Amino acid sequence: MRKYFLSGILFLFTVLSLTTLRSIAPELLYKQATSLGLAFLIFFIVSKLPFAFHLKIAKYLYLLLNLLLLFLLIYGTVTRGITAWLILPFGFKFQPSQMAIPVVALYLSNIFSKESQFTSALLFKTLLIIALPAILILLEPDFGTVLVFLISISIFLFFNHLSHKQFLCLCCIGFLGLLSLWFLVFQDYQRERLLGFLSFKQLEANSIVSTEESSSAYNARQALIAVGSGQIWGRGIGQGVQSHLRFLPERQTDFIFASFAEEWGFVGTIFLLLLYFILLFFLLYMAYKVDDFSERLYLIVLFVMFLTQIFINIGMNLAILPITGITLPFLSYGGSSVISLFYALGIAQSIIGKFKAPATNLFY
């Protein structure tokens, strides 16, 4: 069963994504279907290559990733306020930063597999490897992608036994990094999103509706209305009010969960969450089962990446987290997103496919 599990669940996500997109933004259906077709092809090709091969080429992929990110900062075109996309033929775009997590995870897995002890020198080297793409992505600026990247890759720091000195050093770096972000890096609209979220929660607590509501607070309110209006069974496919009348901003990307919940209702939402839970459980289960340390690290990174993206996106759709521009895996529109996620899971499939276990075990 393990050989077909990931491809099967990816097919179900594809059906849900295209069905929802056909309802709320039919003009984007062709591009997304093309991207998903290419993503499946990449998944199957990558899954046939041994994990050792992916580790071997990781340093070259890491170099290419940083060169592309640097190229964007110098020659990139500003789109929606950031320079994150490479312009490709036939109107397609690609976002190199979406590949940061699987590429850096492979590179660090390769390095950690050759080390027997987590020394201070290895800690410093790890921080440098993580910092380079993180800074380049932050300069685009794309804080949402950096946030998911840092949370996911932090597994390489905390999955090892840190000394008290190393842990204190990391805490100091983290604190100084947060201060630098707020005062030196964040744009005005990013600060507005956080402050708008806090003001929205304050208005909720006081049961006050402000006539001068910030744009981010307005977006959060519209998403919450869309989710609630779906009720038990949903309004029906193509019957969503918030998305079709454009009250819901970024209905096909950041707020696709609200669009989905409005049309599919509580029942459909539970089914979607169940699919995510099964995927997360499978990745964690396989990470527990595999013996190779580098394979285990990679699978855990993927688990944390998916969990973080799902939690943050749904959280901001339910107005319990500030808006960060993080998409919902597999469901949101975006070719770069699905290609990078399918690529990452293709590598996971190359690990799972060669794993041997008794036939009586779960997933076998």
Foldseek 3Di string as FASTA:
>chain_A
DLLCVVVVLLVVLQVQQLLLCCQQPVVCNVVQVVLLVVLVVLLQVLLVDALVVLLVCLVVLLVVLLVVLVCQVVPFDADPRFSAWDQDPPRDIAGSLLQLQLSLLSPVLSVVLVDDACDPVNVVVNCVSLPSSLVSCCVSPAVLSSVLNCQLSCCSVPVHDDDPVRVVVVVVVVVVVVVCCVPPRDDPVRVCLVVLLVVLVVCVVVVHDDPPRDPQSQLLVLLQVLLVQLAAQAPARNRRDCSNVVSHPLCQWLSVLSSSCRHGPPVSNVVVVVSLVVVLVVLQVVLVVDDRPSLSSLSSSLSSSLVVLQCQSVCSSNSNHGRRRRGHQSNHDDSNRSSSNSNSVSSNSSVSVPDDDDPVDPPD
